[in-house]
Amino acid sequence: MWRDDGDGKVLYVQTHGISDPGRSATPFFLAASAAAMEVEVGIYFTMYGPQLLQRHVVEKIGPKGDSGQRLSYFVKQATDLGVRLWVCQPSLDLNDLAVEDLIDGVEMIGGAAFNDLSMRADAVVSF
């Protein structure tokens, strides 16, 4: 999970899904910003959050009108900077999803792993 090098660690928790698109890009944007500051960063998707990681969803969610970026832009920006994406296994079941339905690079973890991540993080921010 986290490295044991003593550097800063931030864990974002995304609980909202496609029914609340206004909350979809912010965790990726903030995670990318923290990663650019050389902080170790991860986003944990639980409850309805895993819906945002579906391959066919990241290109669809975006601002109203033609201005602004799609969710896929923010996902790519974050992952290119090394942000790790973790998904809650029971939340996949809740949303009738499988890991194969998600974008590349998502790691499935359980409750104990999430608790370990949160206890080792310097900050935990929830959306």
Protein backbone atom coordinates (compact mmCIF):
# COMPACT_ATOMS: atom_id res chain seq x y z
CA MET A 1 0.00 0.00 0.00
CA TRP A 2 1.84 3.12 1.25
CA ARG A 3 5.63 3.32 1.18
CA ASP A 4 7.32 3.55 4.56
CA ASP A 5 9.60 6.46 3.64
CA GLY A 6 8.11 9.08 5.96
CA ASP A 7 6.95 11.41 3.17
CA GLY A 8 3.50 12.99 3.27
CA LYS A 9 0.50 10.85 2.40
CA VAL A 10 -3.02 11.97 1.47
CA LEU A 11 -5.98 9.64 1.05
CA TYR A 12 -9.08 10.90 -0.74
CA VAL A 13 -12.32 8.93 -0.34
CA GLN A 14 -14.91 9.15 -3.13
CA THR A 15 -18.39 8.01 -2.13
CA HIS A 16 -20.48 9.76 -4.80
CA GLY A 17 -21.21 8.28 -8.22
CA ILE A 18 -22.77 9.17 -11.52
CA SER A 19 -25.93 10.60 -9.96
CA ASP A 20 -23.84 13.48 -8.54
CA PRO A 21 -21.46 14.45 -11.39
CA GLY A 22 -20.55 17.75 -9.74
CA ARG A 23 -18.54 15.80 -7.16
CA SER A 24 -16.70 13.61 -9.64
CA ALA A 25 -13.64 15.58 -10.82
CA THR A 26 -12.58 17.33 -7.60
CA PRO A 27 -10.91 14.33 -5.89
CA PHE A 28 -8.86 13.66 -9.04
CA PHE A 29 -7.91 17.33 -9.37
CA LEU A 30 -6.86 17.63 -5.73
CA ALA A 31 -5.02 14.31 -5.84
CA ALA A 32 -3.10 15.41 -8.94
CA SER A 33 -2.21 18.68 -7.22
CA ALA A 34 -0.90 16.83 -4.16
CA ALA A 35 1.03 14.36 -6.32
CA ALA A 36 2.65 17.28 -8.17
CA MET A 37 3.83 18.46 -4.73
CA GLU A 38 5.56 15.07 -4.37
CA VAL A 39 3.07 13.78 -1.83
CA GLU A 40 2.06 10.12 -1.97
CA VAL A 41 -1.63 10.11 -2.94
CA GLY A 42 -4.43 7.62 -3.37
CA ILE A 43 -8.16 7.75 -3.98
CA TYR A 44 -10.40 5.09 -2.44
CA PHE A 45 -13.76 4.52 -4.15
CA THR A 46 -16.53 3.19 -1.96
CA MET A 47 -20.34 3.20 -1.83
CA TYR A 48 -21.31 4.70 -5.24
CA GLY A 49 -17.82 5.96 -6.10
CA PRO A 50 -16.86 2.90 -8.18
CA GLN A 51 -19.45 3.97 -10.77
CA LEU A 52 -17.05 6.77 -11.78
CA LEU A 53 -14.34 4.26 -12.70
CA GLN A 54 -16.36 2.46 -15.37
CA ARG A 55 -14.69 2.50 -18.77
CA HIS A 56 -17.76 3.92 -20.53
CA VAL A 57 -18.45 6.59 -17.87
CA VAL A 58 -15.21 8.60 -17.71
CA GLU A 59 -15.75 10.08 -21.20
CA LYS A 60 -19.40 10.96 -20.56
CA ILE A 61 -19.18 12.93 -17.32
CA GLY A 62 -18.26 16.56 -17.74
CA PRO A 63 -19.47 20.11 -17.41
CA LYS A 64 -22.65 21.35 -18.98
CA GLY A 65 -22.05 22.90 -22.38
CA ASP A 66 -18.83 22.79 -24.35
CA SER A 67 -16.48 24.44 -21.86
CA GLY A 68 -14.36 22.46 -19.45
CA GLN A 69 -12.86 19.01 -19.36
CA ARG A 70 -14.39 15.55 -19.15
CA LEU A 71 -13.74 13.32 -16.14
CA SER A 72 -11.29 11.30 -18.23
CA TYR A 73 -8.97 14.33 -18.39
CA PHE A 74 -8.76 14.55 -14.59
CA VAL A 75 -8.35 10.78 -14.19
CA LYS A 76 -5.45 10.73 -16.67
CA GLN A 77 -3.83 13.77 -15.09
CA ALA A 78 -3.95 12.15 -11.65
CA THR A 79 -2.77 8.70 -12.69
CA ASP A 80 0.02 10.14 -14.86
CA LEU A 81 1.31 11.85 -11.70
CA GLY A 82 1.27 8.55 -9.80
CA VAL A 83 -2.03 8.77 -7.93
CA ARG A 84 -3.16 5.27 -6.99
CA LEU A 85 -6.80 4.24 -7.39
CA TRP A 86 -8.29 1.74 -4.97
CA VAL A 87 -11.80 0.31 -5.08
CA CYS A 88 -13.85 -1.32 -2.33
CA GLN A 89 -14.80 -4.89 -3.26
CA PRO A 90 -18.23 -4.85 -1.54
CA SER A 91 -19.00 -1.56 -3.30
CA LEU A 92 -18.40 -3.27 -6.64
CA ASP A 93 -21.10 -5.75 -5.67
CA LEU A 94 -23.39 -2.90 -4.55
CA ASN A 95 -23.11 -1.34 -8.01
CA ASP A 96 -23.27 -4.64 -9.97
CA LEU A 97 -19.72 -4.10 -11.20
CA ALA A 98 -16.61 -6.24 -11.60
CA VAL A 99 -12.99 -5.08 -11.73
CA GLU A 100 -13.03 -5.87 -15.45
CA ASP A 101 -15.66 -3.12 -15.94
CA LEU A 102 -13.27 -0.48 -14.62
CA ILE A 103 -10.53 1.60 -16.20
CA ASP A 104 -7.01 0.18 -16.18
CA GLY A 105 -4.89 0.54 -13.07
CA VAL A 106 -7.57 0.24 -10.39
CA GLU A 107 -6.63 -1.99 -7.45
CA MET A 108 -9.29 -3.78 -5.42
CA ILE A 109 -8.80 -3.73 -1.64
CA GLY A 110 -10.85 -4.66 1.39
CA GLY A 111 -11.81 -2.93 4.59
CA ALA A 112 -8.68 -3.86 6.54
CA ALA A 113 -6.43 -2.45 3.79
CA PHE A 114 -8.49 0.77 3.68
CA ASN A 115 -8.22 1.13 7.47
CA ASP A 116 -4.46 0.64 7.24
CA LEU A 117 -4.21 3.29 4.51
CA SER A 118 -6.27 5.78 6.49
CA MET A 119 -4.29 5.24 9.70
CA ARG A 120 -1.00 5.78 7.87
CA ALA A 121 -2.20 8.85 5.95
CA ASP A 122 -1.36 12.35 7.11
CA ALA A 123 -4.75 13.51 5.86
CA VAL A 124 -7.99 11.79 4.81
CA VAL A 125 -10.44 13.85 2.73
CA SER A 126 -13.90 12.55 1.84
CA PHE A 127 -16.20 13.47 -1.05
